[in-house]
C-alpha atoms as a PDB file:
ATOM      1  CA  UNK A   1      27.795  26.745 -26.424  1.00  0.00           C
ATOM      2  CA  UNK A   2      28.512  28.661 -23.217  1.00  0.00           C
ATOM      3  CA  UNK A   3      28.500  27.916 -19.484  1.00  0.00           C
ATOM      4  CA  UNK A   4      26.375  30.880 -18.364  1.00  0.00           C
ATOM      5  CA  UNK A   5      23.542  30.552 -20.854  1.00  0.00           C
ATOM      6  CA  UNK A   6      21.470  27.752 -22.356  1.00  0.00           C
ATOM      7  CA  UNK A   7      23.972  25.629 -24.313  1.00  0.00           C
ATOM      8  CA  UNK A   8      23.017  23.441 -27.254  1.00  0.00           C
ATOM      9  CA  UNK A   9      24.950  20.508 -28.670  1.00  0.00           C
ATOM     10  CA  UNK A  10      25.275  19.686 -32.356  1.00  0.00           C
ATOM     11  CA  UNK A  11      26.238  16.103 -33.191  1.00  0.00           C
ATOM     12  CA  UNK A  12      27.539  14.979 -36.592  1.00  0.00           C
ATOM     13  CA  UNK A  13      26.439  11.812 -38.445  1.00  0.00           C
ATOM     14  CA  UNK A  14      29.379   9.617 -37.386  1.00  0.00           C
ATOM     15  CA  UNK A  15      29.696  10.728 -33.746  1.00  0.00           C
ATOM     16  CA  UNK A  16      30.070   7.699 -31.478  1.00  0.00           C
ATOM     17  CA  UNK A  17      30.769   9.334 -28.114  1.00  0.00           C
ATOM     18  CA  UNK A  18      28.446   9.780 -25.187  1.00  0.00           C
ATOM     19  CA  UNK A  19      26.036  12.697 -24.853  1.00  0.00           C
ATOM     20  CA  UNK A  20      26.640  14.298 -21.440  1.00  0.00           C
ATOM     21  CA  UNK A  21      23.412  14.219 -19.443  1.00  0.00           C
ATOM     22  CA  UNK A  22      22.056  17.460 -18.041  1.00  0.00           C
ATOM     23  CA  UNK A  23      24.632  19.653 -19.763  1.00  0.00           C
ATOM     24  CA  UNK A  24      22.617  20.882 -22.739  1.00  0.00           C
ATOM     25  CA  UNK A  25      19.227  22.451 -23.234  1.00  0.00           C
ATOM     26  CA  UNK A  26      18.817  20.455 -26.445  1.00  0.00           C
ATOM     27  CA  UNK A  27      20.878  18.141 -28.658  1.00  0.00           C
ATOM     28  CA  UNK A  28      20.595  18.488 -32.440  1.00  0.00           C
ATOM     29  CA  UNK A  29      21.633  15.569 -34.645  1.00  0.00           C
ATOM     30  CA  UNK A  30      23.079  16.939 -37.882  1.00  0.00           C
ATOM     31  CA  UNK A  31      23.267  14.734 -40.985  1.00  0.00           C
ATOM     32  CA  UNK A  32      26.405  16.430 -42.324  1.00  0.00           C
ATOM     33  CA  UNK A  33      29.860  17.312 -41.069  1.00  0.00           C
ATOM     34  CA  UNK A  34      29.048  20.791 -42.346  1.00  0.00           C
ATOM     35  CA  UNK A  35      26.578  22.522 -40.046  1.00  0.00           C
ATOM     36  CA  UNK A  36      25.435  26.106 -40.491  1.00  0.00           C
ATOM     37  CA  UNK A  37      23.815  28.142 -37.748  1.00  0.00           C
ATOM     38  CA  UNK A  38      22.076  31.458 -38.360  1.00  0.00           C
ATOM     39  CA  UNK A  39      21.503  33.475 -35.219  1.00  0.00           C
ATOM     40  CA  UNK A  40      19.013  36.330 -35.287  1.00  0.00           C
ATOM     41  CA  UNK A  41      19.056  39.049 -32.653  1.00  0.00           C
ATOM     42  CA  UNK A  42      16.256  41.574 -32.939  1.00  0.00           C
ATOM     43  CA  UNK A  43      17.248  45.221 -33.193  1.00  0.00           C
ATOM     44  CA  UNK A  44      14.577  47.570 -31.841  1.00  0.00           C
ATOM     45  CA  UNK A  45      15.780  50.746 -33.537  1.00  0.00           C
ATOM     46  CA  UNK A  46      19.191  52.431 -33.746  1.00  0.00           C
ATOM     47  CA  UNK A  47      19.236  53.206 -30.001  1.00  0.00           C
ATOM     48  CA  UNK A  48      19.081  49.473 -29.307  1.00  0.00           C
ATOM     49  CA  UNK A  49      22.319  48.667 -31.179  1.00  0.00           C
ATOM     50  CA  UNK A  50      24.527  48.608 -28.066  1.00  0.00           C
ATOM     51  CA  UNK A  51      22.223  46.036 -26.458  1.00  0.00           C
ATOM     52  CA  UNK A  52      22.310  43.845 -29.543  1.00  0.00           C
ATOM     53  CA  UNK A  53      26.113  43.947 -29.707  1.00  0.00           C
ATOM     54  CA  UNK A  54      26.304  43.028 -26.032  1.00  0.00           C
ATOM     55  CA  UNK A  55      24.077  40.004 -26.623  1.00  0.00           C
ATOM     56  CA  UNK A  56      25.959  38.939 -29.759  1.00  0.00           C
ATOM     57  CA  UNK A  57      29.288  39.132 -27.934  1.00  0.00           C
ATOM     58  CA  UNK A  58      28.041  36.328 -25.674  1.00  0.00           C
ATOM     59  CA  UNK A  59      27.445  33.924 -28.549  1.00  0.00           C
ATOM     60  CA  UNK A  60      30.137  31.268 -28.659  1.00  0.00           C
ATOM     61  CA  UNK A  61      30.799  28.042 -30.517  1.00  0.00           C
ATOM     62  CA  UNK A  62      33.246  25.548 -28.997  1.00  0.00           C
ATOM     63  CA  UNK A  63      34.136  21.908 -29.375  1.00  0.00           C
ATOM     64  CA  UNK A  64      32.656  19.479 -26.862  1.00  0.00           C
ATOM     65  CA  UNK A  65      36.070  18.823 -25.359  1.00  0.00           C
ATOM     66  CA  UNK A  66      36.647  22.546 -24.781  1.00  0.00           C
ATOM     67  CA  UNK A  67      33.214  22.899 -23.243  1.00  0.00           C
ATOM     68  CA  UNK A  68      33.759  19.967 -20.858  1.00  0.00           C
ATOM     69  CA  UNK A  69      37.430  20.744 -20.245  1.00  0.00           C
ATOM     70  CA  UNK A  70      38.556  17.289 -21.403  1.00  0.00           C
ATOM     71  CA  UNK A  71      41.294  16.091 -23.743  1.00  0.00           C
ATOM     72  CA  UNK A  72      40.870  16.990 -27.404  1.00  0.00           C
ATOM     73  CA  UNK A  73      39.984  14.102 -29.735  1.00  0.00           C
ATOM     74  CA  UNK A  74      42.195  13.009 -32.585  1.00  0.00           C
ATOM     75  CA  UNK A  75      42.238  15.614 -35.341  1.00  0.00           C
ATOM     76  CA  UNK A  76      39.983  14.754 -38.268  1.00  0.00           C
ATOM     77  CA  UNK A  77      41.498  14.201 -41.696  1.00  0.00           C
ATOM     78  CA  UNK A  78      41.604  17.144 -44.094  1.00  0.00           C
ATOM     79  CA  UNK A  79      38.784  17.543 -46.602  1.00  0.00           C
ATOM     80  CA  UNK A  80      39.902  17.421 -50.227  1.00  0.00           C
ATOM     81  CA  UNK A  81      38.084  20.533 -51.401  1.00  0.00           C
ATOM     82  CA  UNK A  82      37.764  21.312 -55.103  1.00  0.00           C
ATOM     83  CA  UNK A  83      37.919  24.888 -56.378  1.00  0.00           C
ATOM     84  CA  UNK A  84      34.353  25.836 -57.267  1.00  0.00           C
ATOM     85  CA  UNK A  85      33.321  26.965 -60.744  1.00  0.00           C
ATOM     86  CA  UNK A  86      29.626  28.031 -60.792  1.00  0.00           C
ATOM     87  CA  UNK A  87      29.288  26.899 -64.412  1.00  0.00           C
ATOM     88  CA  UNK A  88      30.008  23.314 -63.353  1.00  0.00           C
ATOM     89  CA  UNK A  89      26.623  22.907 -61.696  1.00  0.00           C
ATOM     90  CA  UNK A  90      24.957  23.339 -65.097  1.00  0.00           C
ATOM     91  CA  UNK A  91      26.272  20.063 -66.482  1.00  0.00           C
ATOM     92  CA  UNK A  92      27.789  16.704 -65.537  1.00  0.00           C
ATOM     93  CA  UNK A  93      30.661  18.376 -63.710  1.00  0.00           C
ATOM     94  CA  UNK A  94      28.404  18.883 -60.689  1.00  0.00           C
ATOM     95  CA  UNK A  95      29.200  15.267 -59.840  1.00  0.00           C
ATOM     96  CA  UNK A  96      32.784  16.001 -58.782  1.00  0.00           C
ATOM     97  CA  UNK A  97      31.506  18.354 -56.076  1.00  0.00           C
ATOM     98  CA  UNK A  98      28.699  16.032 -55.026  1.00  0.00           C
ATOM     99  CA  UNK A  99      31.197  13.230 -54.443  1.00  0.00           C
ATOM    100  CA  UNK A 100      33.132  15.438 -52.025  1.00  0.00           C
ATOM    101  CA  UNK A 101      29.998  16.416 -50.113  1.00  0.00           C
ATOM    102  CA  UNK A 102      28.683  12.844 -49.980  1.00  0.00           C
ATOM    103  CA  UNK A 103      31.795  11.928 -48.038  1.00  0.00           C
ATOM    104  CA  UNK A 104      30.635  14.360 -45.351  1.00  0.00           C
ATOM    105  CA  UNK A 105      27.229  12.748 -44.784  1.00  0.00           C
ATOM    106  CA  UNK A 106      28.308   9.190 -44.045  1.00  0.00           C
ATOM    107  CA  UNK A 107      26.796   7.028 -42.751  1.00  0.00           C
ATOM    108  CA  UNK A 108      23.950   7.745 -45.153  1.00  0.00           C
ATOM    109  CA  UNK A 109      20.405   8.097 -43.942  1.00  0.00           C
ATOM    110  CA  UNK A 110      18.568   4.864 -44.728  1.00  0.00           C
ATOM    111  CA  UNK A 111      16.019   6.881 -46.708  1.00  0.00           C
ATOM    112  CA  UNK A 112      18.718   7.740 -49.282  1.00  0.00           C
ATOM    113  CA  UNK A 113      20.607   4.465 -49.606  1.00  0.00           C
ATOM    114  CA  UNK A 114      18.567   3.025 -52.490  1.00  0.00           C
ATOM    115  CA  UNK A 115      18.758   6.212 -54.573  1.00  0.00           C
ATOM    116  CA  UNK A 116      22.489   6.633 -53.977  1.00  0.00           C
ATOM    117  CA  UNK A 117      23.110   3.093 -55.187  1.00  0.00           C
ATOM    118  CA  UNK A 118      21.384   3.972 -58.472  1.00  0.00           C
ATOM    119  CA  UNK A 119      23.402   7.168 -58.817  1.00  0.00           C
ATOM    120  CA  UNK A 120      26.659   5.219 -58.823  1.00  0.00           C
ATOM    121  CA  UNK A 121      25.909   4.202 -62.428  1.00  0.00           C
ATOM    122  CA  UNK A 122      26.840   7.712 -63.595  1.00  0.00           C
ATOM    123  CA  UNK A 123      29.806   8.203 -61.280  1.00  0.00           C
ATOM    124  CA  UNK A 124      28.113   9.631 -58.189  1.00  0.00           C
ATOM    125  CA  UNK A 125      29.881   8.003 -55.251  1.00  0.00           C
ATOM    126  CA  UNK A 126      31.182   9.358 -51.970  1.00  0.00           C
ATOM    127  CA  UNK A 127      34.870  10.290 -52.202  1.00  0.00           C
ATOM    128  CA  UNK A 128      35.258   9.095 -55.805  1.00  0.00           C
ATOM    129  CA  UNK A 129      37.128  11.076 -58.443  1.00  0.00           C
ATOM    130  CA  UNK A 130      35.106  12.220 -61.426  1.00  0.00           C
ATOM    131  CA  UNK A 131      36.249  13.348 -64.852  1.00  0.00           C
ATOM    132  CA  UNK A 132      33.513  14.012 -67.404  1.00  0.00           C
ATOM    133  CA  UNK A 133      35.993  13.614 -70.256  1.00  0.00           C
ATOM    134  CA  UNK A 134      36.156   9.894 -69.465  1.00  0.00           C
ATOM    135  CA  UNK A 135      32.451   9.411 -70.310  1.00  0.00           C
ATOM    136  CA  UNK A 136      31.330   8.406 -73.778  1.00  0.00           C
ATOM    137  CA  UNK A 137      29.472  11.021 -75.800  1.00  0.00           C
ATOM    138  CA  UNK A 138      26.037   9.413 -75.380  1.00  0.00           C
ATOM    139  CA  UNK A 139      26.304   9.131 -71.592  1.00  0.00           C
ATOM    140  CA  UNK A 140      27.651  12.654 -71.193  1.00  0.00           C
ATOM    141  CA  UNK A 141      24.821  14.088 -73.293  1.00  0.00           C
ATOM    142  CA  UNK A 142      22.227  12.169 -71.277  1.00  0.00           C
ATOM    143  CA  UNK A 143      23.604  13.500 -67.975  1.00  0.00           C
ATOM    144  CA  UNK A 144      23.860  17.066 -69.271  1.00  0.00           C
ATOM    145  CA  UNK A 145      20.299  16.933 -70.621  1.00  0.00           C
ATOM    146  CA  UNK A 146      19.123  15.540 -67.305  1.00  0.00           C
ATOM    147  CA  UNK A 147      20.789  18.361 -65.387  1.00  0.00           C
ATOM    148  CA  UNK A 148      19.057  20.974 -67.539  1.00  0.00           C
ATOM    149  CA  UNK A 149      15.702  19.236 -67.184  1.00  0.00           C
ATOM    150  CA  UNK A 150      16.216  19.161 -63.424  1.00  0.00           C
ATOM    151  CA  UNK A 151      17.086  22.858 -63.199  1.00  0.00           C
ATOM    152  CA  UNK A 152      14.019  23.732 -65.303  1.00  0.00           C
ATOM    153  CA  UNK A 153      11.771  21.606 -63.088  1.00  0.00           C
ATOM    154  CA  UNK A 154      13.136  23.203 -59.911  1.00  0.00           C
ATOM    155  CA  UNK A 155      12.600  26.720 -61.282  1.00  0.00           C
ATOM    156  CA  UNK A 156       9.056  25.844 -62.334  1.00  0.00           C
ATOM    157  CA  UNK A 157       8.301  24.421 -58.906  1.00  0.00           C
ATOM    158  CA  UNK A 158       9.864  27.456 -57.226  1.00  0.00           C
ATOM    159  CA  UNK A 159       7.609  29.794 -59.205  1.00  0.00           C
ATOM    160  CA  UNK A 160       4.522  27.828 -58.098  1.00  0.00           C
ATOM    161  CA  UNK A 161       5.736  26.517 -54.773  1.00  0.00           C
ATOM    162  CA  UNK A 162       2.522  27.051 -52.850  1.00  0.00           C
ATOM    163  CA  UNK A 163      -1.022  28.350 -52.862  1.00  0.00           C
ATOM    164  CA  UNK A 164      -1.249  31.887 -54.239  1.00  0.00           C
ATOM    165  CA  UNK A 165      -3.243  34.688 -52.637  1.00  0.00           C
ATOM    166  CA  UNK A 166      -3.234  38.207 -54.114  1.00  0.00           C
ATOM    167  CA  UNK A 167      -0.249  37.154 -56.238  1.00  0.00           C
ATOM    168  CA  UNK A 168       1.787  36.038 -53.204  1.00  0.00           C
ATOM    169  CA  UNK A 169       3.093  32.503 -52.844  1.00  0.00           C
ATOM    170  CA  UNK A 170       2.017  31.631 -49.304  1.00  0.00           C
ATOM    171  CA  UNK A 171       5.170  29.637 -48.753  1.00  0.00           C
ATOM    172  CA  UNK A 172       5.260  26.722 -46.358  1.00  0.00           C
ATOM    173  CA  UNK A 173       8.006  24.587 -47.950  1.00  0.00           C
ATOM    174  CA  UNK A 174      10.424  24.186 -45.035  1.00  0.00           C
ATOM    175  CA  UNK A 175      10.803  21.324 -42.600  1.00  0.00           C
ATOM    176  CA  UNK A 176      12.640  18.114 -41.775  1.00  0.00           C
ATOM    177  CA  UNK A 177      12.696  14.752 -43.548  1.00  0.00           C
ATOM    178  CA  UNK A 178       9.302  13.793 -42.176  1.00  0.00           C
ATOM    179  CA  UNK A 179       7.861  17.022 -43.591  1.00  0.00           C
ATOM    180  CA  UNK A 180       9.163  16.428 -47.141  1.00  0.00           C
ATOM    181  CA  UNK A 181       8.225  12.725 -47.378  1.00  0.00           C
ATOM    182  CA  UNK A 182      10.944  12.262 -50.047  1.00  0.00           C
ATOM    183  CA  UNK A 183       9.612  15.121 -52.185  1.00  0.00           C
ATOM    184  CA  UNK A 184      13.065  16.076 -53.432  1.00  0.00           C
ATOM    185  CA  UNK A 185      11.692  18.565 -55.974  1.00  0.00           C
ATOM    186  CA  UNK A 186       9.910  20.571 -53.260  1.00  0.00           C
ATOM    187  CA  UNK A 187      13.045  20.573 -51.120  1.00  0.00           C
ATOM    188  CA  UNK A 188      15.214  21.801 -54.013  1.00  0.00           C
ATOM    189  CA  UNK A 189      12.705  24.525 -54.893  1.00  0.00           C
ATOM    190  CA  UNK A 190      12.549  25.597 -51.246  1.00  0.00           C
ATOM    191  CA  UNK A 191      16.321  26.004 -51.213  1.00  0.00           C
ATOM    192  CA  UNK A 192      16.159  28.029 -54.429  1.00  0.00           C
ATOM    193  CA  UNK A 193      13.629  30.543 -53.103  1.00  0.00           C
ATOM    194  CA  UNK A 194      14.619  30.657 -49.442  1.00  0.00           C
ATOM    195  CA  UNK A 195      17.674  28.677 -48.390  1.00  0.00           C
ATOM    196  CA  UNK A 196      17.921  28.133 -44.597  1.00  0.00           C
ATOM    197  CA  UNK A 197      14.218  28.911 -44.081  1.00  0.00           C
ATOM    198  CA  UNK A 198      12.550  28.124 -40.761  1.00  0.00           C
ATOM    199  CA  UNK A 199       9.516  25.931 -40.192  1.00  0.00           C
ATOM    200  CA  UNK A 200       6.269  27.897 -40.506  1.00  0.00           C
ATOM    201  CA  UNK A 201       5.556  27.875 -36.777  1.00  0.00           C
ATOM    202  CA  UNK A 202       8.792  29.888 -36.313  1.00  0.00           C
ATOM    203  CA  UNK A 203       8.606  32.096 -39.386  1.00  0.00           C
ATOM    204  CA  UNK A 204       6.320  32.479 -42.390  1.00  0.00           C
ATOM    205  CA  UNK A 205       7.699  33.656 -45.760  1.00  0.00           C
ATOM    206  CA  UNK A 206       5.173  34.817 -48.387  1.00  0.00           C
ATOM    207  CA  UNK A 207       6.994  35.707 -51.626  1.00  0.00           C
ATOM    208  CA  UNK A 208       5.710  37.621 -54.654  1.00  0.00           C
ATOM    209  CA  UNK A 209       7.025  37.782 -58.237  1.00  0.00           C
ATOM    210  CA  UNK A 210       4.048  39.397 -59.996  1.00  0.00           C
ATOM    211  CA  UNK A 211       1.835  42.436 -59.561  1.00  0.00           C
ATOM    212  CA  UNK A 212      -1.959  42.538 -59.172  1.00  0.00           C
ATOM    213  CA  UNK A 213      -2.356  42.123 -62.938  1.00  0.00           C
ATOM    214  CA  UNK A 214      -0.149  39.029 -63.002  1.00  0.00           C
ATOM    215  CA  UNK A 215       2.792  40.800 -64.677  1.00  0.00           C
ATOM    216  CA  UNK A 216       6.399  40.259 -63.548  1.00  0.00           C
ATOM    217  CA  UNK A 217       7.666  42.894 -61.114  1.00  0.00           C
ATOM    218  CA  UNK A 218      10.187  45.118 -62.907  1.00  0.00           C
ATOM    219  CA  UNK A 219      11.702  48.315 -61.488  1.00  0.00           C
ATOM    220  CA  UNK A 220      12.884  49.478 -64.897  1.00  0.00           C
ATOM    221  CA  UNK A 221       9.418  49.744 -66.413  1.00  0.00           C
ATOM    222  CA  UNK A 222       7.097  50.315 -63.461  1.00  0.00           C
ATOM    223  CA  UNK A 223       6.528  51.863 -60.050  1.00  0.00           C
ATOM    224  CA  UNK A 224       4.510  50.023 -57.429  1.00  0.00           C
ATOM    225  CA  UNK A 225       2.910  50.308 -54.030  1.00  0.00           C
ATOM    226  CA  UNK A 226       1.572  47.896 -51.458  1.00  0.00           C
ATOM    227  CA  UNK A 227      -1.070  49.159 -49.067  1.00  0.00           C
ATOM    228  CA  UNK A 228      -1.731  47.384 -45.779  1.00  0.00           C
ATOM    229  CA  UNK A 229      -4.926  48.354 -44.025  1.00  0.00           C
ATOM    230  CA  UNK A 230      -4.698  48.287 -40.242  1.00  0.00           C
ATOM    231  CA  UNK A 231      -6.069  44.727 -40.238  1.00  0.00           C
ATOM    232  CA  UNK A 232      -3.649  43.621 -42.987  1.00  0.00           C
ATOM    233  CA  UNK A 233      -0.435  44.573 -41.157  1.00  0.00           C
ATOM    234  CA  UNK A 234       1.518  41.269 -40.971  1.00  0.00           C
ATOM    235  CA  UNK A 235       0.404  39.402 -37.816  1.00  0.00           C
ATOM    236  CA  UNK A 236       3.717  38.772 -36.045  1.00  0.00           C
ATOM    237  CA  UNK A 237       4.420  38.089 -32.386  1.00  0.00           C
ATOM    238  CA  UNK A 238       8.024  39.275 -32.786  1.00  0.00           C
ATOM    239  CA  UNK A 239       8.484  41.312 -35.973  1.00  0.00           C
ATOM    240  CA  UNK A 240       7.744  41.377 -39.705  1.00  0.00           C
ATOM    241  CA  UNK A 241       9.675  42.594 -42.751  1.00  0.00           C
ATOM    242  CA  UNK A 242       9.326  43.084 -46.518  1.00  0.00           C
ATOM    243  CA  UNK A 243      12.681  42.545 -48.261  1.00  0.00           C
ATOM    244  CA  UNK A 244      13.718  43.381 -51.831  1.00  0.00           C
ATOM    245  CA  UNK A 245      15.743  40.933 -53.986  1.00  0.00           C
ATOM    246  CA  UNK A 246      17.006  40.803 -57.555  1.00  0.00           C
ATOM    247  CA  UNK A 247      17.147  37.537 -59.537  1.00  0.00           C
ATOM    248  CA  UNK A 248      20.874  37.496 -60.229  1.00  0.00           C
ATOM    249  CA  UNK A 249      21.639  34.142 -58.588  1.00  0.00           C
ATOM    250  CA  UNK A 250      19.773  31.847 -60.965  1.00  0.00           C
ATOM    251  CA  UNK A 251      17.035  33.839 -62.681  1.00  0.00           C
ATOM    252  CA  UNK A 252      14.561  33.027 -59.907  1.00  0.00           C
ATOM    253  CA  UNK A 253      16.357  33.827 -56.665  1.00  0.00           C
ATOM    254  CA  UNK A 254      18.876  36.550 -55.969  1.00  0.00           C
ATOM    255  CA  UNK A 255      20.391  39.009 -53.551  1.00  0.00           C
ATOM    256  CA  UNK A 256      19.926  42.317 -51.798  1.00  0.00           C
ATOM    257  CA  UNK A 257      20.309  45.372 -54.011  1.00  0.00           C
ATOM    258  CA  UNK A 258      22.625  48.340 -53.530  1.00  0.00           C
ATOM    259  CA  UNK A 259      20.676  51.583 -53.390  1.00  0.00           C
ATOM    260  CA  UNK A 260      21.304  55.258 -52.496  1.00  0.00           C
ATOM    261  CA  UNK A 261      19.642  55.096 -49.057  1.00  0.00           C
ATOM    262  CA  UNK A 262      21.038  51.680 -48.013  1.00  0.00           C
ATOM    263  CA  UNK A 263      17.550  50.375 -47.360  1.00  0.00           C
ATOM    264  CA  UNK A 264      17.093  46.726 -48.217  1.00  0.00           C
ATOM    265  CA  UNK A 265      13.835  46.106 -46.411  1.00  0.00           C
ATOM    266  CA  UNK A 266      11.038  47.763 -44.519  1.00  0.00           C
ATOM    267  CA  UNK A 267       9.993  46.154 -41.270  1.00  0.00           C
ATOM    268  CA  UNK A 268       7.994  46.681 -38.118  1.00  0.00           C
ATOM    269  CA  UNK A 269      10.893  48.526 -36.478  1.00  0.00           C
ATOM    270  CA  UNK A 270      11.957  50.713 -39.441  1.00  0.00           C
ATOM    271  CA  UNK A 271      12.396  54.213 -38.115  1.00  0.00           C
ATOM    272  CA  UNK A 272      10.500  57.109 -39.660  1.00  0.00           C
ATOM    273  CA  UNK A 273       7.695  55.153 -41.361  1.00  0.00           C
ATOM    274  CA  UNK A 274       4.538  57.181 -41.843  1.00  0.00           C
ATOM    275  CA  UNK A 275       1.333  55.285 -41.087  1.00  0.00           C
ATOM    276  CA  UNK A 276      -2.152  56.299 -42.233  1.00  0.00           C
ATOM    277  CA  UNK A 277      -4.492  58.002 -39.813  1.00  0.00           C
ATOM    278  CA  UNK A 278      -6.413  54.742 -39.483  1.00  0.00           C
ATOM    279  CA  UNK A 279      -3.237  52.718 -38.736  1.00  0.00           C
ATOM    280  CA  UNK A 280      -2.653  51.406 -42.242  1.00  0.00           C
ATOM    281  CA  UNK A 281       0.693  51.497 -44.068  1.00  0.00           C
ATOM    282  CA  UNK A 282       1.632  52.105 -47.709  1.00  0.00           C
ATOM    283  CA  UNK A 283       5.070  51.058 -49.018  1.00  0.00           C
ATOM    284  CA  UNK A 284       6.298  52.639 -52.267  1.00  0.00           C
ATOM    285  CA  UNK A 285       8.407  50.328 -54.428  1.00  0.00           C
ATOM    286  CA  UNK A 286      10.356  51.912 -57.281  1.00  0.00           C
ATOM    287  CA  UNK A 287      13.820  52.508 -58.686  1.00  0.00           C
ATOM    288  CA  UNK A 288      13.946  56.307 -58.575  1.00  0.00           C
ATOM    289  CA  UNK A 289      13.481  58.305 -55.380  1.00  0.00           C
ATOM    290  CA  UNK A 290       9.815  59.286 -54.990  1.00  0.00           C
ATOM    291  CA  UNK A 291       8.431  62.653 -53.936  1.00  0.00           C
ATOM    292  CA  UNK A 292       9.729  63.822 -50.577  1.00  0.00           C
ATOM    293  CA  UNK A 293       6.338  63.215 -48.965  1.00  0.00           C
ATOM    294  CA  UNK A 294       6.622  59.511 -49.839  1.00  0.00           C
ATOM    295  CA  UNK A 295      10.346  58.994 -49.265  1.00  0.00           C
ATOM    296  CA  UNK A 296       9.950  57.780 -45.661  1.00  0.00           C
ATOM    297  CA  UNK A 297       8.083  54.702 -46.935  1.00  0.00           C
ATOM    298  CA  UNK A 298      10.260  54.046 -50.007  1.00  0.00           C
ATOM    299  CA  UNK A 299      11.670  50.573 -50.634  1.00  0.00           C
ATOM    300  CA  UNK A 300      14.219  50.979 -53.481  1.00  0.00           C
ATOM    301  CA  UNK A 301      13.882  48.561 -56.411  1.00  0.00           C
ATOM    302  CA  UNK A 302      16.479  47.709 -59.069  1.00  0.00           C
ATOM    303  CA  UNK A 303      16.059  48.786 -62.690  1.00  0.00           C
ATOM    304  CA  UNK A 304      15.313  45.182 -63.610  1.00  0.00           C
ATOM    305  CA  UNK A 305      13.106  42.282 -62.537  1.00  0.00           C
ATOM    306  CA  UNK A 306      12.834  41.715 -58.793  1.00  0.00           C
ATOM    307  CA  UNK A 307      10.777  39.923 -56.170  1.00  0.00           C
ATOM    308  CA  UNK A 308       9.726  40.625 -52.604  1.00  0.00           C
ATOM    309  CA  UNK A 309       9.786  38.329 -49.607  1.00  0.00           C
ATOM    310  CA  UNK A 310       7.753  38.954 -46.492  1.00  0.00           C
ATOM    311  CA  UNK A 311       9.023  37.487 -43.244  1.00  0.00           C
ATOM    312  CA  UNK A 312       6.747  37.072 -40.263  1.00  0.00           C
ATOM    313  CA  UNK A 313       8.619  35.938 -37.178  1.00  0.00           C
ATOM    314  CA  UNK A 314       6.404  34.310 -34.610  1.00  0.00           C
ATOM    315  CA  UNK A 315       3.361  34.202 -36.933  1.00  0.00           C
ATOM    316  CA  UNK A 316       0.041  34.600 -35.157  1.00  0.00           C
ATOM    317  CA  UNK A 317      -2.820  32.165 -35.677  1.00  0.00           C
ATOM    318  CA  UNK A 318      -4.310  34.075 -38.644  1.00  0.00           C
ATOM    319  CA  UNK A 319      -1.025  33.619 -40.536  1.00  0.00           C
ATOM    320  CA  UNK A 320      -0.729  29.960 -39.545  1.00  0.00           C
ATOM    321  CA  UNK A 321      -4.289  28.969 -40.482  1.00  0.00           C
ATOM    322  CA  UNK A 322      -4.363  30.867 -43.788  1.00  0.00           C
ATOM    323  CA  UNK A 323      -7.010  33.463 -42.961  1.00  0.00           C
ATOM    324  CA  UNK A 324      -4.462  36.294 -43.387  1.00  0.00           C
ATOM    325  CA  UNK A 325      -2.667  37.137 -46.615  1.00  0.00           C
ATOM    326  CA  UNK A 326      -0.672  40.179 -47.839  1.00  0.00           C
ATOM    327  CA  UNK A 327      -2.394  42.631 -50.202  1.00  0.00           C
ATOM    328  CA  UNK A 328      -1.523  42.616 -53.908  1.00  0.00           C
ATOM    329  CA  UNK A 329       1.283  44.720 -55.389  1.00  0.00           C
ATOM    330  CA  UNK A 330      -0.265  47.545 -57.446  1.00  0.00           C
ATOM    331  CA  UNK A 331       1.230  49.597 -60.264  1.00  0.00           C
ATOM    332  CA  UNK A 332       1.482  53.341 -59.676  1.00  0.00           C
ATOM    333  CA  UNK A 333       0.860  55.549 -62.733  1.00  0.00           C
END
């Protein structure tokens, strides 16, 4: 929030104060005490960096009392965080973390109340302690089996999360509660493949795991290319990008990959790209540096399985109505 720009207000689930009229461009009601904001500032080439930094320096987050210049409210109680062990989310131990987080979303949304009441039978309860060693062997096995079945189902849904065109998942899995209609599996899969994704009207995220022949993308065994004709260039009002990821997070989703040229994506503002004479664009996707004539359009891949995500910010109508799709990923001999 800032006084000289368009301020926004974010309100937690248990806020009982008044919303000042006329002070904010928009008020967002957040269902958790933990709110994450991702700000994107477009960089139009290296010469534009100073402008971007100047804009980013104006971003500011303050409490409501600081913004209004009023007395600070009573300090909230400390959160009893638990040291995180990634292995714990693979079995019943996930419950001890869930109980901490549930305390941060009270009062519960009425849509969740019935399910949460059922979950209490296995120790899931806001603020409650949980120790899996206190469960009998049969119950513990049932919970652990259920966790594994759930993870498998989420991965399967993530791999087939939407209609496929040319091997690309034409992803449209992001939205609010009304969008999901209690489809918890879709929501979990959406988080797995693209956590913090925008609604489609803001950004569109086709993702591809397989090549034109239906085989898993793998930089150790193959080289690839993707050729956009002039009419296939991603239809974006603002900008588009193709980003490279490994699968190191959970076998389906992953992270950016270190590479010798520090290039993690190719986008509409990447400097030095060489377009075809007719306005088309070919991107070369491989682990080893290609011939010098192709290096300008090289997107480095890891020597292992990977996937690509396209991002189209401000998608034009052809992207929104499904008449546009990215071309298939082709092997290069």
